[in-house]
Protein backbone atom coordinates (compact mmCIF):
# COMPACT_ATOMS: atom_id res chain seq x y z
CA UNK A 1 0.00 0.00 0.00
CA UNK A 2 1.24 3.48 -0.82
CA UNK A 3 2.30 5.06 2.48
CA UNK A 4 2.19 8.68 1.26
CA UNK A 5 -0.14 10.99 -0.68
CA UNK A 6 2.28 11.45 -3.58
CA UNK A 7 2.88 8.60 -6.05
CA UNK A 8 5.36 5.88 -5.07
CA UNK A 9 7.35 4.18 -7.84
CA UNK A 10 8.16 0.50 -7.26
CA UNK A 11 10.05 -2.16 -9.23
CA UNK A 12 8.43 -5.57 -8.67
CA UNK A 13 9.71 -9.06 -9.42
CA UNK A 14 8.34 -12.58 -9.03
CA UNK A 15 9.70 -16.02 -9.88
CA UNK A 16 8.85 -19.63 -9.13
CA UNK A 17 11.20 -20.74 -6.36
CA UNK A 18 13.63 -23.62 -6.99
CA UNK A 19 13.94 -25.56 -3.70
CA UNK A 20 17.24 -27.06 -2.60
CA UNK A 21 17.14 -29.88 -0.07
CA UNK A 22 18.42 -28.79 3.33
CA UNK A 23 18.12 -25.05 2.63
CA UNK A 24 15.36 -22.47 2.68
CA UNK A 25 14.86 -18.76 2.09
CA UNK A 26 13.49 -16.23 4.59
CA UNK A 27 11.95 -12.77 4.51
CA UNK A 28 14.45 -9.95 4.01
CA UNK A 29 13.78 -6.24 4.61
CA UNK A 30 16.48 -3.63 3.95
CA UNK A 31 17.52 -0.34 2.39
CA UNK A 32 20.51 0.34 0.15
CA UNK A 33 21.14 3.56 2.08
CA UNK A 34 22.13 1.42 5.07
CA UNK A 35 24.70 -0.58 3.07
CA UNK A 36 28.28 0.05 2.08
CA UNK A 37 28.48 -0.92 -1.60
CA UNK A 38 31.30 -3.07 -2.89
CA UNK A 39 33.59 -2.06 -5.73
CA UNK A 40 32.53 -4.10 -8.74
CA UNK A 41 35.47 -6.04 -10.22
CA UNK A 42 37.75 -3.85 -8.08
CA UNK A 43 36.72 -0.58 -9.82
CA UNK A 44 36.17 2.43 -7.55
CA UNK A 45 33.78 4.13 -10.00
ModelCIF file with pLDDT and N, C-alpha, C, O atoms, coordinates in Angstrom:
data_MODEL
#
_entry.id   MODEL 
#
_entity.id                         1 
_entity.type                       polymer 
_entity.pdbx_number_of_molecules   1 
#
_entity_poly.entity_id                      1 
_entity_poly.type                           'polypeptide(L)' 
_entity_poly.nstd_linkage                   no 
_entity_poly.nstd_monomer                   no 
_entity_poly.pdbx_seq_one_letter_code       
;(UNK)(UNK)(UNK)(UNK)(UNK)(UNK)(UNK)(UNK)(UNK)(UNK)(UNK)(UNK)(UNK)(UNK)(UNK)(UNK)
(UNK)(UNK)(UNK)(UNK)(UNK)(UNK)(UNK)(UNK)(UNK)(UNK)(UNK)(UNK)(UNK)(UNK)(UNK)(UNK)
(UNK)(UNK)(UNK)(UNK)(UNK)(UNK)(UNK)(UNK)(UNK)(UNK)(UNK)(UNK)(UNK)
;
_entity_poly.pdbx_seq_one_letter_code_can   XXXXXXXXXXXXXXXXXXXXXXXXXXXXXXXXXXXXXXXXXXXXX 
_entity_poly.pdbx_strand_id                 A 
#
loop_
_entity_poly_seq.entity_id 
_entity_poly_seq.num 
_entity_poly_seq.mon_id 
_entity_poly_seq.hetero 
1 1  UNK n 
1 2  UNK n 
1 3  UNK n 
1 4  UNK n 
1 5  UNK n 
1 6  UNK n 
1 7  UNK n 
1 8  UNK n 
1 9  UNK n 
1 10 UNK n 
1 11 UNK n 
1 12 UNK n 
1 13 UNK n 
1 14 UNK n 
1 15 UNK n 
1 16 UNK n 
1 17 UNK n 
1 18 UNK n 
1 19 UNK n 
1 20 UNK n 
1 21 UNK n 
1 22 UNK n 
1 23 UNK n 
1 24 UNK n 
1 25 UNK n 
1 26 UNK n 
1 27 UNK n 
1 28 UNK n 
1 29 UNK n 
1 30 UNK n 
1 31 UNK n 
1 32 UNK n 
1 33 UNK n 
1 34 UNK n 
1 35 UNK n 
1 36 UNK n 
1 37 UNK n 
1 38 UNK n 
1 39 UNK n 
1 40 UNK n 
1 41 UNK n 
1 42 UNK n 
1 43 UNK n 
1 44 UNK n 
1 45 UNK n 
#
_struct_asym.id          A 
_struct_asym.entity_id   1 
#
loop_
_ma_qa_metric.id 
_ma_qa_metric.mode 
_ma_qa_metric.name 
_ma_qa_metric.software_group_id 
_ma_qa_metric.type 
1 global pLDDT . pLDDT 
2 local  pLDDT . pLDDT 
#
_ma_qa_metric_global.metric_id      1 
_ma_qa_metric_global.metric_value   97.33 
_ma_qa_metric_global.model_id       1 
_ma_qa_metric_global.ordinal_id     1 
#
loop_
_ma_qa_metric_local.label_asym_id 
_ma_qa_metric_local.label_comp_id 
_ma_qa_metric_local.label_seq_id 
_ma_qa_metric_local.metric_id 
_ma_qa_metric_local.metric_value 
_ma_qa_metric_local.model_id 
_ma_qa_metric_local.ordinal_id 
A UNK 1  2 98.00 1 1  
A UNK 2  2 98.00 1 2  
A UNK 3  2 98.00 1 3  
A UNK 4  2 98.00 1 4  
A UNK 5  2 98.00 1 5  
A UNK 6  2 98.00 1 6  
A UNK 7  2 98.00 1 7  
A UNK 8  2 98.00 1 8  
A UNK 9  2 98.00 1 9  
A UNK 10 2 98.00 1 10 
A UNK 11 2 98.00 1 11 
A UNK 12 2 98.00 1 12 
A UNK 13 2 98.00 1 13 
A UNK 14 2 98.00 1 14 
A UNK 15 2 98.00 1 15 
A UNK 16 2 98.00 1 16 
A UNK 17 2 98.00 1 17 
A UNK 18 2 98.00 1 18 
A UNK 19 2 98.00 1 19 
A UNK 20 2 98.00 1 20 
A UNK 21 2 97.00 1 21 
A UNK 22 2 98.00 1 22 
A UNK 23 2 98.00 1 23 
A UNK 24 2 97.00 1 24 
A UNK 25 2 98.00 1 25 
A UNK 26 2 97.00 1 26 
A UNK 27 2 98.00 1 27 
A UNK 28 2 98.00 1 28 
A UNK 29 2 98.00 1 29 
A UNK 30 2 98.00 1 30 
A UNK 31 2 98.00 1 31 
A UNK 32 2 98.00 1 32 
A UNK 33 2 96.00 1 33 
A UNK 34 2 97.00 1 34 
A UNK 35 2 95.00 1 35 
A UNK 36 2 96.00 1 36 
A UNK 37 2 97.00 1 37 
A UNK 38 2 97.00 1 38 
A UNK 39 2 97.00 1 39 
A UNK 40 2 96.00 1 40 
A UNK 41 2 93.00 1 41 
A UNK 42 2 94.00 1 42 
A UNK 43 2 96.00 1 43 
A UNK 44 2 96.00 1 44 
A UNK 45 2 97.00 1 45 
#
loop_
_atom_site.group_PDB 
_atom_site.id 
_atom_site.type_symbol 
_atom_site.label_atom_id 
_atom_site.label_alt_id 
_atom_site.label_comp_id 
_atom_site.label_asym_id 
_atom_site.label_entity_id 
_atom_site.label_seq_id 
_atom_site.pdbx_PDB_ins_code 
_atom_site.Cartn_x 
_atom_site.Cartn_y 
_atom_site.Cartn_z 
_atom_site.occupancy 
_atom_site.B_iso_or_equiv 
_atom_site.pdbx_formal_charge 
_atom_site.auth_seq_id 
_atom_site.auth_comp_id 
_atom_site.auth_asym_id 
_atom_site.auth_atom_id 
_atom_site.pdbx_PDB_model_num 
ATOM 1   N N  . UNK A 1 1  ? 0.845  -1.191  0.000   1.00 98.00 ? 1  UNK A N  1 
ATOM 2   C CA . UNK A 1 1  ? 0.000  0.000   0.000   1.00 98.00 ? 1  UNK A CA 1 
ATOM 3   C C  . UNK A 1 1  ? 0.880  1.242   0.000   1.00 98.00 ? 1  UNK A C  1 
ATOM 4   O O  . UNK A 1 1  ? 1.873  1.310   0.724   1.00 98.00 ? 1  UNK A O  1 
ATOM 5   N N  . UNK A 1 2  ? 0.510  2.221   -0.817  1.00 98.00 ? 2  UNK A N  1 
ATOM 6   C CA . UNK A 1 2  ? 1.239  3.482   -0.818  1.00 98.00 ? 2  UNK A CA 1 
ATOM 7   C C  . UNK A 1 2  ? 1.139  4.111   0.571   1.00 98.00 ? 2  UNK A C  1 
ATOM 8   O O  . UNK A 1 2  ? 0.046  4.229   1.126   1.00 98.00 ? 2  UNK A O  1 
ATOM 9   N N  . UNK A 1 3  ? 2.273  4.511   1.127   1.00 98.00 ? 3  UNK A N  1 
ATOM 10  C CA . UNK A 1 3  ? 2.301  5.064   2.475   1.00 98.00 ? 3  UNK A CA 1 
ATOM 11  C C  . UNK A 1 3  ? 2.473  6.581   2.461   1.00 98.00 ? 3  UNK A C  1 
ATOM 12  O O  . UNK A 1 3  ? 2.895  7.164   3.459   1.00 98.00 ? 3  UNK A O  1 
ATOM 13  N N  . UNK A 1 4  ? 2.151  7.221   1.344   1.00 98.00 ? 4  UNK A N  1 
ATOM 14  C CA . UNK A 1 4  ? 2.189  8.676   1.256   1.00 98.00 ? 4  UNK A CA 1 
ATOM 15  C C  . UNK A 1 4  ? 1.127  9.127   0.259   1.00 98.00 ? 4  UNK A C  1 
ATOM 16  O O  . UNK A 1 4  ? 0.560  8.315   -0.472  1.00 98.00 ? 4  UNK A O  1 
ATOM 17  N N  . UNK A 1 5  ? 0.863  10.449  0.238   1.00 98.00 ? 5  UNK A N  1 
ATOM 18  C CA . UNK A 1 5  ? -0.137 10.986  -0.681  1.00 98.00 ? 5  UNK A CA 1 
ATOM 19  C C  . UNK A 1 5  ? 0.388  11.059  -2.107  1.00 98.00 ? 5  UNK A C  1 
ATOM 20  O O  . UNK A 1 5  ? -0.357 10.832  -3.061  1.00 98.00 ? 5  UNK A O  1 
ATOM 21  N N  . UNK A 1 6  ? 1.686  11.381  -2.255  1.00 98.00 ? 6  UNK A N  1 
ATOM 22  C CA . UNK A 1 6  ? 2.278  11.454  -3.585  1.00 98.00 ? 6  UNK A CA 1 
ATOM 23  C C  . UNK A 1 6  ? 2.487  10.049  -4.146  1.00 98.00 ? 6  UNK A C  1 
ATOM 24  O O  . UNK A 1 6  ? 2.511  9.083   -3.384  1.00 98.00 ? 6  UNK A O  1 
ATOM 25  N N  . UNK A 1 7  ? 2.640  9.920   -5.477  1.00 98.00 ? 7  UNK A N  1 
ATOM 26  C CA . UNK A 1 7  ? 2.882  8.595   -6.050  1.00 98.00 ? 7  UNK A CA 1 
ATOM 27  C C  . UNK A 1 7  ? 4.179  7.971   -5.536  1.00 98.00 ? 7  UNK A C  1 
ATOM 28  O O  . UNK A 1 7  ? 5.145  8.672   -5.236  1.00 98.00 ? 7  UNK A O  1 
ATOM 29  N N  . UNK A 1 8  ? 4.182  6.656   -5.441  1.00 98.00 ? 8  UNK A N  1 
ATOM 30  C CA . UNK A 1 8  ? 5.364  5.881   -5.067  1.00 98.00 ? 8  UNK A CA 1 
ATOM 31  C C  . UNK A 1 8  ? 5.686  4.934   -6.208  1.00 98.00 ? 8  UNK A C  1 
ATOM 32  O O  . UNK A 1 8  ? 4.840  4.143   -6.625  1.00 98.00 ? 8  UNK A O  1 
ATOM 33  N N  . UNK A 1 9  ? 6.928  5.016   -6.720  1.00 98.00 ? 9  UNK A N  1 
ATOM 34  C CA . UNK A 1 9  ? 7.347  4.181   -7.844  1.00 98.00 ? 9  UNK A CA 1 
ATOM 35  C C  . UNK A 1 9  ? 8.072  2.951   -7.322  1.00 98.00 ? 9  UNK A C  1 
ATOM 36  O O  . UNK A 1 9  ? 8.991  3.064   -6.511  1.00 98.00 ? 9  UNK A O  1 
ATOM 37  N N  . UNK A 1 10 ? 7.656  1.767   -7.789  1.00 98.00 ? 10 UNK A N  1 
ATOM 38  C CA . UNK A 1 10 ? 8.157  0.501   -7.259  1.00 98.00 ? 10 UNK A CA 1 
ATOM 39  C C  . UNK A 1 10 ? 8.492  -0.452  -8.402  1.00 98.00 ? 10 UNK A C  1 
ATOM 40  O O  . UNK A 1 10 ? 7.699  -0.630  -9.327  1.00 98.00 ? 10 UNK A O  1 
ATOM 41  N N  . UNK A 1 11 ? 9.676  -1.062  -8.328  1.00 98.00 ? 11 UNK A N  1 
ATOM 42  C CA . UNK A 1 11 ? 10.049 -2.156  -9.228  1.00 98.00 ? 11 UNK A CA 1 
ATOM 43  C C  . UNK A 1 11 ? 9.664  -3.457  -8.534  1.00 98.00 ? 11 UNK A C  1 
ATOM 44  O O  . UNK A 1 11 ? 10.027 -3.681  -7.379  1.00 98.00 ? 11 UNK A O  1 
ATOM 45  N N  . UNK A 1 12 ? 8.931  -4.311  -9.236  1.00 98.00 ? 12 UNK A N  1 
ATOM 46  C CA . UNK A 1 12 ? 8.429  -5.566  -8.675  1.00 98.00 ? 12 UNK A CA 1 
ATOM 47  C C  . UNK A 1 12 ? 8.934  -6.753  -9.486  1.00 98.00 ? 12 UNK A C  1 
ATOM 48  O O  . UNK A 1 12 ? 9.126  -6.665  -10.699 1.00 98.00 ? 12 UNK A O  1 
ATOM 49  N N  . UNK A 1 13 ? 9.141  -7.854  -8.793  1.00 98.00 ? 13 UNK A N  1 
ATOM 50  C CA . UNK A 1 13 ? 9.707  -9.062  -9.423  1.00 98.00 ? 13 UNK A CA 1 
ATOM 51  C C  . UNK A 1 13 ? 9.070  -10.280 -8.771  1.00 98.00 ? 13 UNK A C  1 
ATOM 52  O O  . UNK A 1 13 ? 8.833  -10.298 -7.564  1.00 98.00 ? 13 UNK A O  1 
ATOM 53  N N  . UNK A 1 14 ? 8.795  -11.300 -9.584  1.00 98.00 ? 14 UNK A N  1 
ATOM 54  C CA . UNK A 1 14 ? 8.341  -12.578 -9.028  1.00 98.00 ? 14 UNK A CA 1 
ATOM 55  C C  . UNK A 1 14 ? 8.899  -13.720 -9.868  1.00 98.00 ? 14 UNK A C  1 
ATOM 56  O O  . UNK A 1 14 ? 9.111  -13.576 -11.072 1.00 98.00 ? 14 UNK A O  1 
ATOM 57  N N  . UNK A 1 15 ? 9.134  -14.848 -9.221  1.00 98.00 ? 15 UNK A N  1 
ATOM 58  C CA . UNK A 1 15 ? 9.701  -16.025 -9.878  1.00 98.00 ? 15 UNK A CA 1 
ATOM 59  C C  . UNK A 1 15 ? 9.290  -17.272 -9.108  1.00 98.00 ? 15 UNK A C  1 
ATOM 60  O O  . UNK A 1 15 ? 9.122  -17.231 -7.889  1.00 98.00 ? 15 UNK A O  1 
ATOM 61  N N  . UNK A 1 16 ? 9.132  -18.370 -9.817  1.00 98.00 ? 16 UNK A N  1 
ATOM 62  C CA . UNK A 1 16 ? 8.848  -19.632 -9.135  1.00 98.00 ? 16 UNK A CA 1 
ATOM 63  C C  . UNK A 1 16 ? 10.133 -20.116 -8.452  1.00 98.00 ? 16 UNK A C  1 
ATOM 64  O O  . UNK A 1 16 ? 11.177 -20.252 -9.091  1.00 98.00 ? 16 UNK A O  1 
ATOM 65  N N  . UNK A 1 17 ? 10.036 -20.367 -7.168  1.00 98.00 ? 17 UNK A N  1 
ATOM 66  C CA . UNK A 1 17 ? 11.202 -20.743 -6.359  1.00 98.00 ? 17 UNK A CA 1 
ATOM 67  C C  . UNK A 1 17 ? 11.685 -22.152 -6.703  1.00 98.00 ? 17 UNK A C  1 
ATOM 68  O O  . UNK A 1 17 ? 10.882 -23.063 -6.909  1.00 98.00 ? 17 UNK A O  1 
ATOM 69  N N  . UNK A 1 18 ? 13.011 -22.317 -6.762  1.00 98.00 ? 18 UNK A N  1 
ATOM 70  C CA . UNK A 1 18 ? 13.628 -23.620 -6.994  1.00 98.00 ? 18 UNK A CA 1 
ATOM 71  C C  . UNK A 1 18 ? 14.176 -24.146 -5.670  1.00 98.00 ? 18 UNK A C  1 
ATOM 72  O O  . UNK A 1 18 ? 15.247 -23.712 -5.247  1.00 98.00 ? 18 UNK A O  1 
ATOM 73  N N  . UNK A 1 19 ? 13.483 -25.059 -5.007  1.00 98.00 ? 19 UNK A N  1 
ATOM 74  C CA . UNK A 1 19 ? 13.936 -25.556 -3.699  1.00 98.00 ? 19 UNK A CA 1 
ATOM 75  C C  . UNK A 1 19 ? 15.255 -26.307 -3.805  1.00 98.00 ? 19 UNK A C  1 
ATOM 76  O O  . UNK A 1 19 ? 15.582 -26.880 -4.844  1.00 98.00 ? 19 UNK A O  1 
ATOM 77  N N  . UNK A 1 20 ? 16.000 -26.293 -2.713  1.00 98.00 ? 20 UNK A N  1 
ATOM 78  C CA . UNK A 1 20 ? 17.237 -27.062 -2.602  1.00 98.00 ? 20 UNK A CA 1 
ATOM 79  C C  . UNK A 1 20 ? 17.200 -27.776 -1.250  1.00 98.00 ? 20 UNK A C  1 
ATOM 80  O O  . UNK A 1 20 ? 17.093 -27.136 -0.204  1.00 98.00 ? 20 UNK A O  1 
ATOM 81  N N  . UNK A 1 21 ? 17.288 -29.091 -1.285  1.00 97.00 ? 21 UNK A N  1 
ATOM 82  C CA . UNK A 1 21 ? 17.138 -29.879 -0.067  1.00 97.00 ? 21 UNK A CA 1 
ATOM 83  C C  . UNK A 1 21 ? 18.122 -29.430 1.011   1.00 97.00 ? 21 UNK A C  1 
ATOM 84  O O  . UNK A 1 21 ? 19.321 -29.307 0.762   1.00 97.00 ? 21 UNK A O  1 
ATOM 85  N N  . UNK A 1 22 ? 17.601 -29.191 2.203   1.00 98.00 ? 22 UNK A N  1 
ATOM 86  C CA . UNK A 1 22 ? 18.422 -28.790 3.333   1.00 98.00 ? 22 UNK A CA 1 
ATOM 87  C C  . UNK A 1 22 ? 18.570 -27.294 3.490   1.00 98.00 ? 22 UNK A C  1 
ATOM 88  O O  . UNK A 1 22 ? 19.206 -26.836 4.439   1.00 98.00 ? 22 UNK A O  1 
ATOM 89  N N  . UNK A 1 23 ? 17.993 -26.514 2.577   1.00 98.00 ? 23 UNK A N  1 
ATOM 90  C CA . UNK A 1 23 ? 18.116 -25.055 2.630   1.00 98.00 ? 23 UNK A CA 1 
ATOM 91  C C  . UNK A 1 23 ? 16.753 -24.416 2.409   1.00 98.00 ? 23 UNK A C  1 
ATOM 92  O O  . UNK A 1 23 ? 15.869 -25.009 1.789   1.00 98.00 ? 23 UNK A O  1 
ATOM 93  N N  . UNK A 1 24 ? 16.593 -23.207 2.921   1.00 97.00 ? 24 UNK A N  1 
ATOM 94  C CA . UNK A 1 24 ? 15.360 -22.473 2.676   1.00 97.00 ? 24 UNK A CA 1 
ATOM 95  C C  . UNK A 1 24 ? 15.637 -20.971 2.716   1.00 97.00 ? 24 UNK A C  1 
ATOM 96  O O  . UNK A 1 24 ? 16.618 -20.520 3.306   1.00 97.00 ? 24 UNK A O  1 
ATOM 97  N N  . UNK A 1 25 ? 14.759 -20.217 2.081   1.00 98.00 ? 25 UNK A N  1 
ATOM 98  C CA . UNK A 1 25 ? 14.855 -18.763 2.088   1.00 98.00 ? 25 UNK A CA 1 
ATOM 99  C C  . UNK A 1 25 ? 14.043 -18.194 3.257   1.00 98.00 ? 25 UNK A C  1 
ATOM 100 O O  . UNK A 1 25 ? 13.268 -18.908 3.893   1.00 98.00 ? 25 UNK A O  1 
ATOM 101 N N  . UNK A 1 26 ? 14.232 -16.915 3.525   1.00 97.00 ? 26 UNK A N  1 
ATOM 102 C CA . UNK A 1 26 ? 13.493 -16.232 4.586   1.00 97.00 ? 26 UNK A CA 1 
ATOM 103 C C  . UNK A 1 26 ? 13.213 -14.794 4.157   1.00 97.00 ? 26 UNK A C  1 
ATOM 104 O O  . UNK A 1 26 ? 13.829 -14.287 3.220   1.00 97.00 ? 26 UNK A O  1 
ATOM 105 N N  . UNK A 1 27 ? 12.292 -14.151 4.841   1.00 98.00 ? 27 UNK A N  1 
ATOM 106 C CA . UNK A 1 27 ? 11.948 -12.766 4.513   1.00 98.00 ? 27 UNK A CA 1 
ATOM 107 C C  . UNK A 1 27 ? 13.138 -11.848 4.781   1.00 98.00 ? 27 UNK A C  1 
ATOM 108 O O  . UNK A 1 27 ? 13.823 -11.983 5.795   1.00 98.00 ? 27 UNK A O  1 
ATOM 109 N N  . UNK A 1 28 ? 13.374 -10.918 3.865   1.00 98.00 ? 28 UNK A N  1 
ATOM 110 C CA . UNK A 1 28 ? 14.449 -9.946  4.008   1.00 98.00 ? 28 UNK A CA 1 
ATOM 111 C C  . UNK A 1 28 ? 13.865 -8.550  3.801   1.00 98.00 ? 28 UNK A C  1 
ATOM 112 O O  . UNK A 1 28 ? 13.162 -8.303  2.821   1.00 98.00 ? 28 UNK A O  1 
ATOM 113 N N  . UNK A 1 29 ? 14.159 -7.648  4.723   1.00 98.00 ? 29 UNK A N  1 
ATOM 114 C CA . UNK A 1 29 ? 13.779 -6.237  4.611   1.00 98.00 ? 29 UNK A CA 1 
ATOM 115 C C  . UNK A 1 29 ? 15.056 -5.411  4.741   1.00 98.00 ? 29 UNK A C  1 
ATOM 116 O O  . UNK A 1 29 ? 15.851 -5.653  5.649   1.00 98.00 ? 29 UNK A O  1 
ATOM 117 N N  . UNK A 1 30 ? 15.268 -4.444  3.854   1.00 98.00 ? 30 UNK A N  1 
ATOM 118 C CA . UNK A 1 30 ? 16.478 -3.633  3.952   1.00 98.00 ? 30 UNK A CA 1 
ATOM 119 C C  . UNK A 1 30 ? 16.360 -2.342  3.172   1.00 98.00 ? 30 UNK A C  1 
ATOM 120 O O  . UNK A 1 30 ? 15.318 -2.047  2.587   1.00 98.00 ? 30 UNK A O  1 
ATOM 121 N N  . UNK A 1 31 ? 17.443 -1.574  3.169   1.00 98.00 ? 31 UNK A N  1 
ATOM 122 C CA . UNK A 1 31 ? 17.517 -0.339  2.386   1.00 98.00 ? 31 UNK A CA 1 
ATOM 123 C C  . UNK A 1 31 ? 18.967 -0.153  1.945   1.00 98.00 ? 31 UNK A C  1 
ATOM 124 O O  . UNK A 1 31 ? 19.893 -0.293  2.744   1.00 98.00 ? 31 UNK A O  1 
ATOM 125 N N  . UNK A 1 32 ? 19.148 0.164   0.667   1.00 98.00 ? 32 UNK A N  1 
ATOM 126 C CA . UNK A 1 32 ? 20.507 0.340   0.147   1.00 98.00 ? 32 UNK A CA 1 
ATOM 127 C C  . UNK A 1 32 ? 21.244 1.484   0.836   1.00 98.00 ? 32 UNK A C  1 
ATOM 128 O O  . UNK A 1 32 ? 22.474 1.506   0.864   1.00 98.00 ? 32 UNK A O  1 
ATOM 129 N N  . UNK A 1 33 ? 20.493 2.435   1.392   1.00 96.00 ? 33 UNK A N  1 
ATOM 130 C CA . UNK A 1 33 ? 21.135 3.564   2.084   1.00 96.00 ? 33 UNK A CA 1 
ATOM 131 C C  . UNK A 1 33 ? 21.857 3.113   3.354   1.00 96.00 ? 33 UNK A C  1 
ATOM 132 O O  . UNK A 1 33 ? 22.724 3.823   3.863   1.00 96.00 ? 33 UNK A O  1 
ATOM 133 N N  . UNK A 1 34 ? 21.503 1.947   3.857   1.00 97.00 ? 34 UNK A N  1 
ATOM 134 C CA . UNK A 1 34 ? 22.130 1.420   5.071   1.00 97.00 ? 34 UNK A CA 1 
ATOM 135 C C  . UNK A 1 34 ? 23.312 0.509   4.756   1.00 97.00 ? 34 UNK A C  1 
ATOM 136 O O  . UNK A 1 34 ? 23.937 -0.030  5.670   1.00 97.00 ? 34 UNK A O  1 
ATOM 137 N N  . UNK A 1 35 ? 23.626 0.333   3.476   1.00 95.00 ? 35 UNK A N  1 
ATOM 138 C CA . UNK A 1 35 ? 24.698 -0.577  3.071   1.00 95.00 ? 35 UNK A CA 1 
ATOM 139 C C  . UNK A 1 35 ? 25.924 0.195   2.587   1.00 95.00 ? 35 UNK A C  1 
ATOM 140 O O  . UNK A 1 35 ? 25.822 1.325   2.109   1.00 95.00 ? 35 UNK A O  1 
ATOM 141 N N  . UNK A 1 36 ? 27.060 -0.433  2.723   1.00 96.00 ? 36 UNK A N  1 
ATOM 142 C CA . UNK A 1 36 ? 28.275 0.049   2.078   1.00 96.00 ? 36 UNK A CA 1 
ATOM 143 C C  . UNK A 1 36 ? 28.460 -0.766  0.805   1.00 96.00 ? 36 UNK A C  1 
ATOM 144 O O  . UNK A 1 36 ? 28.690 -1.973  0.882   1.00 96.00 ? 36 UNK A O  1 
ATOM 145 N N  . UNK A 1 37 ? 28.366 -0.139  -0.358  1.00 97.00 ? 37 UNK A N  1 
ATOM 146 C CA . UNK A 1 37 ? 28.476 -0.915  -1.599  1.00 97.00 ? 37 UNK A CA 1 
ATOM 147 C C  . UNK A 1 37 ? 29.888 -1.450  -1.788  1.00 97.00 ? 37 UNK A C  1 
ATOM 148 O O  . UNK A 1 37 ? 30.857 -0.910  -1.253  1.00 97.00 ? 37 UNK A O  1 
ATOM 149 N N  . UNK A 1 38 ? 29.978 -2.532  -2.567  1.00 97.00 ? 38 UNK A N  1 
ATOM 150 C CA . UNK A 1 38 ? 31.302 -3.070  -2.894  1.00 97.00 ? 38 UNK A CA 1 
ATOM 151 C C  . UNK A 1 38 ? 31.745 -2.549  -4.252  1.00 97.00 ? 38 UNK A C  1 
ATOM 152 O O  . UNK A 1 38 ? 30.922 -2.210  -5.102  1.00 97.00 ? 38 UNK A O  1 
ATOM 153 N N  . UNK A 1 39 ? 33.051 -2.490  -4.441  1.00 97.00 ? 39 UNK A N  1 
ATOM 154 C CA . UNK A 1 39 ? 33.592 -2.065  -5.733  1.00 97.00 ? 39 UNK A CA 1 
ATOM 155 C C  . UNK A 1 39 ? 33.476 -3.235  -6.699  1.00 97.00 ? 39 UNK A C  1 
ATOM 156 O O  . UNK A 1 39 ? 34.030 -4.307  -6.455  1.00 97.00 ? 39 UNK A O  1 
ATOM 157 N N  . UNK A 1 40 ? 32.772 -3.031  -7.771  1.00 96.00 ? 40 UNK A N  1 
ATOM 158 C CA . UNK A 1 40 ? 32.532 -4.097  -8.737  1.00 96.00 ? 40 UNK A CA 1 
ATOM 159 C C  . UNK A 1 40 ? 33.797 -4.383  -9.532  1.00 96.00 ? 40 UNK A C  1 
ATOM 160 O O  . UNK A 1 40 ? 34.361 -3.481  -10.152 1.00 96.00 ? 40 UNK A O  1 
ATOM 161 N N  . UNK A 1 41 ? 34.243 -5.633  -9.516  1.00 93.00 ? 41 UNK A N  1 
ATOM 162 C CA . UNK A 1 41 ? 35.466 -6.043  -10.223 1.00 93.00 ? 41 UNK A CA 1 
ATOM 163 C C  . UNK A 1 41 ? 36.660 -5.169  -9.832  1.00 93.00 ? 41 UNK A C  1 
ATOM 164 O O  . UNK A 1 41 ? 37.575 -4.963  -10.629 1.00 93.00 ? 41 UNK A O  1 
ATOM 165 N N  . UNK A 1 42 ? 36.642 -4.650  -8.577  1.00 94.00 ? 42 UNK A N  1 
ATOM 166 C CA . UNK A 1 42 ? 37.752 -3.846  -8.083  1.00 94.00 ? 42 UNK A CA 1 
ATOM 167 C C  . UNK A 1 42 ? 37.816 -2.427  -8.616  1.00 94.00 ? 42 UNK A C  1 
ATOM 168 O O  . UNK A 1 42 ? 38.848 -1.771  -8.475  1.00 94.00 ? 42 UNK A O  1 
ATOM 169 N N  . UNK A 1 43 ? 36.728 -1.925  -9.232  1.00 96.00 ? 43 UNK A N  1 
ATOM 170 C CA . UNK A 1 43 ? 36.718 -0.581  -9.821  1.00 96.00 ? 43 UNK A CA 1 
ATOM 171 C C  . UNK A 1 43 ? 36.014 0.393   -8.881  1.00 96.00 ? 43 UNK A C  1 
ATOM 172 O O  . UNK A 1 43 ? 34.869 0.166   -8.490  1.00 96.00 ? 43 UNK A O  1 
ATOM 173 N N  . UNK A 1 44 ? 36.699 1.478   -8.520  1.00 96.00 ? 44 UNK A N  1 
ATOM 174 C CA . UNK A 1 44 ? 36.170 2.430   -7.554  1.00 96.00 ? 44 UNK A CA 1 
ATOM 175 C C  . UNK A 1 44 ? 34.996 3.236   -8.099  1.00 96.00 ? 44 UNK A C  1 
ATOM 176 O O  . UNK A 1 44 ? 34.208 3.771   -7.318  1.00 96.00 ? 44 UNK A O  1 
ATOM 177 N N  . UNK A 1 45 ? 34.861 3.335   -9.420  1.00 97.00 ? 45 UNK A N  1 
ATOM 178 C CA . UNK A 1 45 ? 33.775 4.128   -9.997  1.00 97.00 ? 45 UNK A CA 1 
ATOM 179 C C  . UNK A 1 45 ? 32.615 3.267   -10.495 1.00 97.00 ? 45 UNK A C  1 
ATOM 180 O O  . UNK A 1 45 ? 31.628 3.797   -11.005 1.00 97.00 ? 45 UNK A O  1 
#
